[in-house]
Amino acid sequence: MKISEIRKLKDEEILKKVKETKKELLNLRVKNATGSLDKPSKLKELRKDVARMLTVLKERENKETGGNE
């Protein structure tokens, strides 16, 4: 997911996507542990997606509070 796509979403939608992505990440980790994961690069991609979404949320939070921290 691109950062521009994430920025278009509302906070609630981003939180929902984070939750869904973390569930998918857990499932892929289990598959990886059992050796049945086809694309191990998907793990890295999903971790980065979660980080992007959380970064956008943090940016918005800082903007609302003045961003002095």
Foldseek 3Di string as FASTA:
>chain_A
DDLVVLLVDDLVVLVVVLVVLVVVLVVQVVCVVVPNHDDPVVNVVSVVSSVSSVVSVVVVVCVVVVVPD
